[in-house]
Amino acid sequence: MNKLVWFALGVAGGFVVAHMVNKDPRGQEMLADIDARIGEFTDRMGDAYREQETRIAGIVESVADAAAEAVATTKEAVADSSRD
């Protein structure tokens, strides 16, 4: 419980400090720069995620095709062996 109180105080203190920094024009510029950097970072992370997702989807599709081909080949082999 004590850790939760310190965490809440830290968050509240951070908001107070950010509000005070935002009142100063230099502070506004600094916060705008930080916001731009965070935006750039999240954009890059999103692009990398979508690229990886596309790559994985291609791999899954090729594995599914290979599995379907293996099932078809097995069915043909079973059908051929049952005719003999």
PDB file of N, CA and C in Angstrom:
ATOM      1  N   MET A   1       0.824  -1.190   0.000  1.00  0.00           N
ATOM      2  CA  MET A   1       0.000   0.000   0.000  1.00  0.00           C
ATOM      3  C   MET A   1       0.871   1.258   0.000  1.00  0.00           C
ATOM      4  N   ASN A   2       1.981   1.182   0.723  1.00  0.00           N
ATOM      5  CA  ASN A   2       2.895   2.314   0.816  1.00  0.00           C
ATOM      6  C   ASN A   2       3.473   2.657  -0.562  1.00  0.00           C
ATOM      7  N   LYS A   3       3.776   1.624  -1.341  1.00  0.00           N
ATOM      8  CA  LYS A   3       4.324   1.857  -2.679  1.00  0.00           C
ATOM      9  C   LYS A   3       3.301   2.537  -3.579  1.00  0.00           C
ATOM     10  N   LEU A   4       2.039   2.170  -3.419  1.00  0.00           N
ATOM     11  CA  LEU A   4       0.972   2.775  -4.214  1.00  0.00           C
ATOM     12  C   LEU A   4       0.833   4.261  -3.895  1.00  0.00           C
ATOM     13  N   VAL A   5       0.956   4.608  -2.635  1.00  0.00           N
ATOM     14  CA  VAL A   5       0.882   6.012  -2.223  1.00  0.00           C
ATOM     15  C   VAL A   5       2.035   6.796  -2.840  1.00  0.00           C
ATOM     16  N   TRP A   6       3.245   6.257  -2.780  1.00  0.00           N
ATOM     17  CA  TRP A   6       4.397   6.943  -3.374  1.00  0.00           C
ATOM     18  C   TRP A   6       4.248   7.071  -4.888  1.00  0.00           C
ATOM     19  N   PHE A   7       3.693   6.037  -5.509  1.00  0.00           N
ATOM     20  CA  PHE A   7       3.461   6.094  -6.955  1.00  0.00           C
ATOM     21  C   PHE A   7       2.472   7.211  -7.290  1.00  0.00           C
ATOM     22  N   ALA A   8       1.368   7.271  -6.551  1.00  0.00           N
ATOM     23  CA  ALA A   8       0.353   8.305  -6.788  1.00  0.00           C
ATOM     24  C   ALA A   8       0.933   9.697  -6.556  1.00  0.00           C
ATOM     25  N   LEU A   9       1.731   9.854  -5.505  1.00  0.00           N
ATOM     26  CA  LEU A   9       2.371  11.147  -5.251  1.00  0.00           C
ATOM     27  C   LEU A   9       3.337  11.515  -6.377  1.00  0.00           C
ATOM     28  N   GLY A  10       4.046  10.542  -6.897  1.00  0.00           N
ATOM     29  CA  GLY A  10       4.965  10.801  -8.003  1.00  0.00           C
ATOM     30  C   GLY A  10       4.238  11.231  -9.261  1.00  0.00           C
ATOM     31  N   VAL A  11       3.129  10.568  -9.555  1.00  0.00           N
ATOM     32  CA  VAL A  11       2.339  10.944 -10.733  1.00  0.00           C
ATOM     33  C   VAL A  11       1.776  12.348 -10.565  1.00  0.00           C
ATOM     34  N   ALA A  12       1.205  12.630  -9.401  1.00  0.00           N
ATOM     35  CA  ALA A  12       0.646  13.959  -9.140  1.00  0.00           C
ATOM     36  C   ALA A  12       1.743  15.023  -9.208  1.00  0.00           C
ATOM     37  N   GLY A  13       2.898  14.735  -8.619  1.00  0.00           N
ATOM     38  CA  GLY A  13       4.014  15.676  -8.679  1.00  0.00           C
ATOM     39  C   GLY A  13       4.478  15.919 -10.102  1.00  0.00           C
ATOM     40  N   GLY A  14       4.484  14.874 -10.899  1.00  0.00           N
ATOM     41  CA  GLY A  14       4.867  15.022 -12.302  1.00  0.00           C
ATOM     42  C   GLY A  14       3.916  15.925 -13.061  1.00  0.00           C
ATOM     43  N   PHE A  15       2.622  15.780 -12.792  1.00  0.00           N
ATOM     44  CA  PHE A  15       1.644  16.656 -13.441  1.00  0.00           C
ATOM     45  C   PHE A  15       1.827  18.108 -13.013  1.00  0.00           C
ATOM     46  N   VAL A  16       2.103  18.329 -11.739  1.00  0.00           N
ATOM     47  CA  VAL A  16       2.312  19.693 -11.246  1.00  0.00           C
ATOM     48  C   VAL A  16       3.541  20.306 -11.907  1.00  0.00           C
ATOM     49  N   VAL A  17       4.630  19.570 -11.962  1.00  0.00           N
ATOM     50  CA  VAL A  17       5.858  20.078 -12.586  1.00  0.00           C
ATOM     51  C   VAL A  17       5.630  20.340 -14.072  1.00  0.00           C
ATOM     52  N   ALA A  18       4.946  19.433 -14.763  1.00  0.00           N
ATOM     53  CA  ALA A  18       4.679  19.631 -16.190  1.00  0.00           C
ATOM     54  C   ALA A  18       3.822  20.874 -16.406  1.00  0.00           C
ATOM     55  N   HIS A  19       2.863  21.109 -15.533  1.00  0.00           N
ATOM     56  CA  HIS A  19       2.020  22.301 -15.650  1.00  0.00           C
ATOM     57  C   HIS A  19       2.853  23.568 -15.464  1.00  0.00           C
ATOM     58  N   MET A  20       3.753  23.550 -14.497  1.00  0.00           N
ATOM     59  CA  MET A  20       4.599  24.714 -14.245  1.00  0.00           C
ATOM     60  C   MET A  20       5.562  24.949 -15.409  1.00  0.00           C
ATOM     61  N   VAL A  21       6.114  23.883 -15.962  1.00  0.00           N
ATOM     62  CA  VAL A  21       7.033  24.014 -17.100  1.00  0.00           C
ATOM     63  C   VAL A  21       6.281  24.537 -18.313  1.00  0.00           C
ATOM     64  N   ASN A  22       5.034  24.124 -18.481  1.00  0.00           N
ATOM     65  CA  ASN A  22       4.242  24.521 -19.644  1.00  0.00           C
ATOM     66  C   ASN A  22       3.880  26.008 -19.610  1.00  0.00           C
ATOM     67  N   LYS A  23       3.936  26.645 -18.452  1.00  0.00           N
ATOM     68  CA  LYS A  23       3.636  28.077 -18.351  1.00  0.00           C
ATOM     69  C   LYS A  23       4.732  28.928 -18.981  1.00  0.00           C
ATOM     70  N   ASP A  24       5.957  28.450 -18.989  1.00  0.00           N
ATOM     71  CA  ASP A  24       7.104  29.182 -19.528  1.00  0.00           C
ATOM     72  C   ASP A  24       7.212  28.919 -21.032  1.00  0.00           C
ATOM     73  N   PRO A  25       7.467  29.945 -21.856  1.00  0.00           N
ATOM     74  CA  PRO A  25       7.590  29.721 -23.307  1.00  0.00           C
ATOM     75  C   PRO A  25       8.697  28.718 -23.669  1.00  0.00           C
ATOM     76  N   ARG A  26       9.808  28.770 -22.946  1.00  0.00           N
ATOM     77  CA  ARG A  26      10.872  27.793 -23.212  1.00  0.00           C
ATOM     78  C   ARG A  26      10.416  26.397 -22.827  1.00  0.00           C
ATOM     79  N   GLY A  27       9.647  26.306 -21.753  1.00  0.00           N
ATOM     80  CA  GLY A  27       9.102  25.018 -21.338  1.00  0.00           C
ATOM     81  C   GLY A  27       8.113  24.477 -22.354  1.00  0.00           C
ATOM     82  N   GLN A  28       7.294  25.367 -22.922  1.00  0.00           N
ATOM     83  CA  GLN A  28       6.351  24.945 -23.958  1.00  0.00           C
ATOM     84  C   GLN A  28       7.096  24.397 -25.170  1.00  0.00           C
ATOM     85  N   GLU A  29       8.179  25.083 -25.531  1.00  0.00           N
ATOM     86  CA  GLU A  29       8.987  24.626 -26.669  1.00  0.00           C
ATOM     87  C   GLU A  29       9.608  23.257 -26.375  1.00  0.00           C
ATOM     88  N   MET A  30      10.099  23.085 -25.154  1.00  0.00           N
ATOM     89  CA  MET A  30      10.704  21.813 -24.773  1.00  0.00           C
ATOM     90  C   MET A  30       9.659  20.693 -24.794  1.00  0.00           C
ATOM     91  N   LEU A  31       8.479  20.962 -24.239  1.00  0.00           N
ATOM     92  CA  LEU A  31       7.425  19.944 -24.227  1.00  0.00           C
ATOM     93  C   LEU A  31       6.937  19.628 -25.641  1.00  0.00           C
ATOM     94  N   ALA A  32       6.896  20.644 -26.511  1.00  0.00           N
ATOM     95  CA  ALA A  32       6.508  20.405 -27.902  1.00  0.00           C
ATOM     96  C   ALA A  32       7.542  19.524 -28.596  1.00  0.00           C
ATOM     97  N   ASP A  33       8.819  19.753 -28.297  1.00  0.00           N
ATOM     98  CA  ASP A  33       9.883  18.925 -28.870  1.00  0.00           C
ATOM     99  C   ASP A  33       9.770  17.483 -28.378  1.00  0.00           C
ATOM    100  N   ILE A  34       9.513  17.323 -27.091  1.00  0.00           N
ATOM    101  CA  ILE A  34       9.344  15.970 -26.534  1.00  0.00           C
ATOM    102  C   ILE A  34       8.147  15.285 -27.176  1.00  0.00           C
ATOM    103  N   ASP A  35       7.049  16.028 -27.337  1.00  0.00           N
ATOM    104  CA  ASP A  35       5.847  15.467 -27.953  1.00  0.00           C
ATOM    105  C   ASP A  35       6.124  15.047 -29.396  1.00  0.00           C
ATOM    106  N   ALA A  36       6.888  15.858 -30.129  1.00  0.00           N
ATOM    107  CA  ALA A  36       7.229  15.512 -31.511  1.00  0.00           C
ATOM    108  C   ALA A  36       8.083  14.249 -31.562  1.00  0.00           C
ATOM    109  N   ARG A  37       9.023  14.134 -30.643  1.00  0.00           N
ATOM    110  CA  ARG A  37       9.869  12.932 -30.604  1.00  0.00           C
ATOM    111  C   ARG A  37       9.055  11.690 -30.267  1.00  0.00           C
ATOM    112  N   ILE A  38       8.137  11.827 -29.328  1.00  0.00           N
ATOM    113  CA  ILE A  38       7.280  10.690 -28.971  1.00  0.00           C
ATOM    114  C   ILE A  38       6.409  10.304 -30.158  1.00  0.00           C
ATOM    115  N   GLY A  39       5.874  11.296 -30.860  1.00  0.00           N
ATOM    116  CA  GLY A  39       5.063  11.021 -32.046  1.00  0.00           C
ATOM    117  C   GLY A  39       5.861  10.308 -33.123  1.00  0.00           C
ATOM    118  N   GLU A  40       7.098  10.751 -33.342  1.00  0.00           N
ATOM    119  CA  GLU A  40       7.960  10.099 -34.328  1.00  0.00           C
ATOM    120  C   GLU A  40       8.250   8.654 -33.925  1.00  0.00           C
ATOM    121  N   PHE A  41       8.518   8.446 -32.645  1.00  0.00           N
ATOM    122  CA  PHE A  41       8.800   7.103 -32.147  1.00  0.00           C
ATOM    123  C   PHE A  41       7.598   6.184 -32.337  1.00  0.00           C
ATOM    124  N   THR A  42       6.411   6.661 -31.961  1.00  0.00           N
ATOM    125  CA  THR A  42       5.224   5.811 -32.094  1.00  0.00           C
ATOM    126  C   THR A  42       4.898   5.535 -33.551  1.00  0.00           C
ATOM    127  N   ASP A  43       5.152   6.502 -34.430  1.00  0.00           N
ATOM    128  CA  ASP A  43       4.943   6.263 -35.863  1.00  0.00           C
ATOM    129  C   ASP A  43       5.880   5.173 -36.369  1.00  0.00           C
ATOM    130  N   ARG A  44       7.136   5.240 -35.963  1.00  0.00           N
ATOM    131  CA  ARG A  44       8.102   4.214 -36.382  1.00  0.00           C
ATOM    132  C   ARG A  44       7.730   2.841 -35.834  1.00  0.00           C
ATOM    133  N   MET A  45       7.305   2.797 -34.582  1.00  0.00           N
ATOM    134  CA  MET A  45       6.900   1.519 -33.987  1.00  0.00           C
ATOM    135  C   MET A  45       5.686   0.950 -34.710  1.00  0.00           C
ATOM    136  N   GLY A  46       4.735   1.808 -35.046  1.00  0.00           N
ATOM    137  CA  GLY A  46       3.550   1.359 -35.772  1.00  0.00           C
ATOM    138  C   GLY A  46       3.906   0.822 -37.144  1.00  0.00           C
ATOM    139  N   ASP A  47       4.792   1.520 -37.848  1.00  0.00           N
ATOM    140  CA  ASP A  47       5.225   1.054 -39.170  1.00  0.00           C
ATOM    141  C   ASP A  47       5.935  -0.287 -39.071  1.00  0.00           C
ATOM    142  N   ALA A  48       6.815  -0.425 -38.082  1.00  0.00           N
ATOM    143  CA  ALA A  48       7.541  -1.689 -37.905  1.00  0.00           C
ATOM    144  C   ALA A  48       6.579  -2.819 -37.557  1.00  0.00           C
ATOM    145  N   TYR A  49       5.582  -2.530 -36.738  1.00  0.00           N
ATOM    146  CA  TYR A  49       4.593  -3.553 -36.364  1.00  0.00           C
ATOM    147  C   TYR A  49       3.814  -4.014 -37.592  1.00  0.00           C
ATOM    148  N   ARG A  50       3.345  -3.057 -38.380  1.00  0.00           N
ATOM    149  CA  ARG A  50       2.576  -3.426 -39.579  1.00  0.00           C
ATOM    150  C   ARG A  50       3.434  -4.199 -40.580  1.00  0.00           C
ATOM    151  N   GLU A  51       4.704  -3.821 -40.717  1.00  0.00           N
ATOM    152  CA  GLU A  51       5.608  -4.543 -41.609  1.00  0.00           C
ATOM    153  C   GLU A  51       5.804  -5.980 -41.130  1.00  0.00           C
ATOM    154  N   GLN A  52       6.030  -6.142 -39.838  1.00  0.00           N
ATOM    155  CA  GLN A  52       6.225  -7.481 -39.274  1.00  0.00           C
ATOM    156  C   GLN A  52       4.941  -8.302 -39.397  1.00  0.00           C
ATOM    157  N   GLU A  53       3.802  -7.671 -39.184  1.00  0.00           N
ATOM    158  CA  GLU A  53       2.518  -8.361 -39.294  1.00  0.00           C
ATOM    159  C   GLU A  53       2.305  -8.868 -40.721  1.00  0.00           C
ATOM    160  N   THR A  54       2.649  -8.061 -41.709  1.00  0.00           N
ATOM    161  CA  THR A  54       2.536  -8.466 -43.104  1.00  0.00           C
ATOM    162  C   THR A  54       3.475  -9.622 -43.404  1.00  0.00           C
ATOM    163  N   ARG A  55       4.692  -9.540 -42.886  1.00  0.00           N
ATOM    164  CA  ARG A  55       5.670 -10.600 -43.098  1.00  0.00           C
ATOM    165  C   ARG A  55       5.183 -11.920 -42.492  1.00  0.00           C
ATOM    166  N   ILE A  56       4.663 -11.863 -41.286  1.00  0.00           N
ATOM    167  CA  ILE A  56       4.171 -13.074 -40.618  1.00  0.00           C
ATOM    168  C   ILE A  56       2.951 -13.626 -41.339  1.00  0.00           C
ATOM    169  N   ALA A  57       2.075 -12.750 -41.818  1.00  0.00           N
ATOM    170  CA  ALA A  57       0.893 -13.210 -42.551  1.00  0.00           C
ATOM    171  C   ALA A  57       1.310 -13.967 -43.809  1.00  0.00           C
ATOM    172  N   GLY A  58       2.357 -13.511 -44.479  1.00  0.00           N
ATOM    173  CA  GLY A  58       2.866 -14.217 -45.658  1.00  0.00           C
ATOM    174  C   GLY A  58       3.411 -15.587 -45.308  1.00  0.00           C
ATOM    175  N   ILE A  59       4.115 -15.672 -44.197  1.00  0.00           N
ATOM    176  CA  ILE A  59       4.662 -16.960 -43.756  1.00  0.00           C
ATOM    177  C   ILE A  59       3.529 -17.915 -43.412  1.00  0.00           C
ATOM    178  N   VAL A  60       2.528 -17.430 -42.687  1.00  0.00           N
ATOM    179  CA  VAL A  60       1.389 -18.273 -42.306  1.00  0.00           C
ATOM    180  C   VAL A  60       0.657 -18.766 -43.546  1.00  0.00           C
ATOM    181  N   GLU A  61       0.495 -17.903 -44.520  1.00  0.00           N
ATOM    182  CA  GLU A  61      -0.188 -18.292 -45.754  1.00  0.00           C
ATOM    183  C   GLU A  61       0.588 -19.375 -46.493  1.00  0.00           C
ATOM    184  N   SER A  62       1.904 -19.240 -46.573  1.00  0.00           N
ATOM    185  CA  SER A  62       2.697 -20.254 -47.270  1.00  0.00           C
ATOM    186  C   SER A  62       2.687 -21.580 -46.512  1.00  0.00           C
ATOM    187  N   VAL A  63       2.687 -21.534 -45.185  1.00  0.00           N
ATOM    188  CA  VAL A  63       2.609 -22.765 -44.391  1.00  0.00           C
ATOM    189  C   VAL A  63       1.249 -23.425 -44.582  1.00  0.00           C
ATOM    190  N   ALA A  64       0.191 -22.634 -44.619  1.00  0.00           N
ATOM    191  CA  ALA A  64      -1.148 -23.188 -44.834  1.00  0.00           C
ATOM    192  C   ALA A  64      -1.244 -23.832 -46.211  1.00  0.00           C
ATOM    193  N   ASP A  65      -0.662 -23.210 -47.219  1.00  0.00           N
ATOM    194  CA  ASP A  65      -0.659 -23.796 -48.563  1.00  0.00           C
ATOM    195  C   ASP A  65       0.115 -25.110 -48.578  1.00  0.00           C
ATOM    196  N   ALA A  66       1.269 -25.135 -47.913  1.00  0.00           N
ATOM    197  CA  ALA A  66       2.069 -26.358 -47.862  1.00  0.00           C
ATOM    198  C   ALA A  66       1.323 -27.462 -47.121  1.00  0.00           C
ATOM    199  N   ALA A  67       0.626 -27.116 -46.046  1.00  0.00           N
ATOM    200  CA  ALA A  67      -0.142 -28.109 -45.295  1.00  0.00           C
ATOM    201  C   ALA A  67      -1.293 -28.649 -46.134  1.00  0.00           C
ATOM    202  N   ALA A  68      -1.972 -27.781 -46.859  1.00  0.00           N
ATOM    203  CA  ALA A  68      -3.073 -28.225 -47.719  1.00  0.00           C
ATOM    204  C   ALA A  68      -2.555 -29.148 -48.816  1.00  0.00           C
ATOM    205  N   GLU A  69      -1.397 -28.819 -49.361  1.00  0.00           N
ATOM    206  CA  GLU A  69      -0.795 -29.671 -50.389  1.00  0.00           C
ATOM    207  C   GLU A  69      -0.412 -31.029 -49.808  1.00  0.00           C
ATOM    208  N   ALA A  70       0.125 -31.042 -48.591  1.00  0.00           N
ATOM    209  CA  ALA A  70       0.502 -32.301 -47.944  1.00  0.00           C
ATOM    210  C   ALA A  70      -0.730 -33.159 -47.670  1.00  0.00           C
ATOM    211  N   VAL A  71      -1.818 -32.534 -47.250  1.00  0.00           N
ATOM    212  CA  VAL A  71      -3.060 -33.275 -47.001  1.00  0.00           C
ATOM    213  C   VAL A  71      -3.583 -33.866 -48.300  1.00  0.00           C
ATOM    214  N   ALA A  72      -3.561 -33.084 -49.368  1.00  0.00           N
ATOM    215  CA  ALA A  72      -4.040 -33.580 -50.660  1.00  0.00           C
ATOM    216  C   ALA A  72      -3.183 -34.742 -51.149  1.00  0.00           C
ATOM    217  N   THR A  73      -1.879 -34.633 -51.000  1.00  0.00           N
ATOM    218  CA  THR A  73      -0.979 -35.707 -51.421  1.00  0.00           C
ATOM    219  C   THR A  73      -1.221 -36.965 -50.598  1.00  0.00           C
ATOM    220  N   THR A  74      -1.431 -36.791 -49.296  1.00  0.00           N
ATOM    221  CA  THR A  74      -1.702 -37.937 -48.423  1.00  0.00           C
ATOM    222  C   THR A  74      -3.018 -38.604 -48.797  1.00  0.00           C
ATOM    223  N   LYS A  75      -4.035 -37.818 -49.082  1.00  0.00           N
ATOM    224  CA  LYS A  75      -5.327 -38.381 -49.492  1.00  0.00           C
ATOM    225  C   LYS A  75      -5.183 -39.178 -50.784  1.00  0.00           C
ATOM    226  N   GLU A  76      -4.418 -38.638 -51.726  1.00  0.00           N
ATOM    227  CA  GLU A  76      -4.196 -39.351 -52.990  1.00  0.00           C
ATOM    228  C   GLU A  76      -3.460 -40.663 -52.743  1.00  0.00           C
ATOM    229  N   ALA A  77      -2.457 -40.626 -51.864  1.00  0.00           N
ATOM    230  CA  ALA A  77      -1.687 -41.839 -51.574  1.00  0.00           C
ATOM    231  C   ALA A  77      -2.568 -42.884 -50.896  1.00  0.00           C
ATOM    232  N   VAL A  78      -3.416 -42.457 -49.983  1.00  0.00           N
ATOM    233  CA  VAL A  78      -4.318 -43.388 -49.301  1.00  0.00           C
ATOM    234  C   VAL A  78      -5.325 -43.956 -50.295  1.00  0.00           C
ATOM    235  N   ALA A  79      -5.841 -43.123 -51.168  1.00  0.00           N
ATOM    236  CA  ALA A  79      -6.807 -43.589 -52.171  1.00  0.00           C
ATOM    237  C   ALA A  79      -6.147 -44.576 -53.129  1.00  0.00           C
ATOM    238  N   ASP A  80      -4.915 -44.305 -53.543  1.00  0.00           N
ATOM    239  CA  ASP A  80      -4.201 -45.209 -54.447  1.00  0.00           C
ATOM    240  C   ASP A  80      -3.906 -46.543 -53.770  1.00  0.00           C
ATOM    241  N   SER A  81      -3.533 -46.508 -52.487  1.00  0.00           N
ATOM    242  CA  SER A  81      -3.204 -47.754 -51.795  1.00  0.00           C
ATOM    243  C   SER A  81      -4.458 -48.576 -51.504  1.00  0.00           C
ATOM    244  N   SER A  82      -5.595 -47.932 -51.333  1.00  0.00           N
ATOM    245  CA  SER A  82      -6.821 -48.692 -51.066  1.00  0.00           C
ATOM    246  C   SER A  82      -7.362 -49.336 -52.339  1.00  0.00           C
ATOM    247  N   ARG A  83      -6.997 -48.827 -53.499  1.00  0.00           N
ATOM    248  CA  ARG A  83      -7.421 -49.421 -54.773  1.00  0.00           C
ATOM    249  C   ARG A  83      -6.641 -50.697 -55.073  1.00  0.00           C
ATOM    250  N   ASP A  84      -5.443 -50.742 -54.553  1.00  0.00           N
ATOM    251  CA  ASP A  84      -4.591 -51.911 -54.857  1.00  0.00           C
ATOM    252  C   ASP A  84      -4.962 -53.090 -54.083  1.00  0.00           C
TER     253      ASP A  84
END
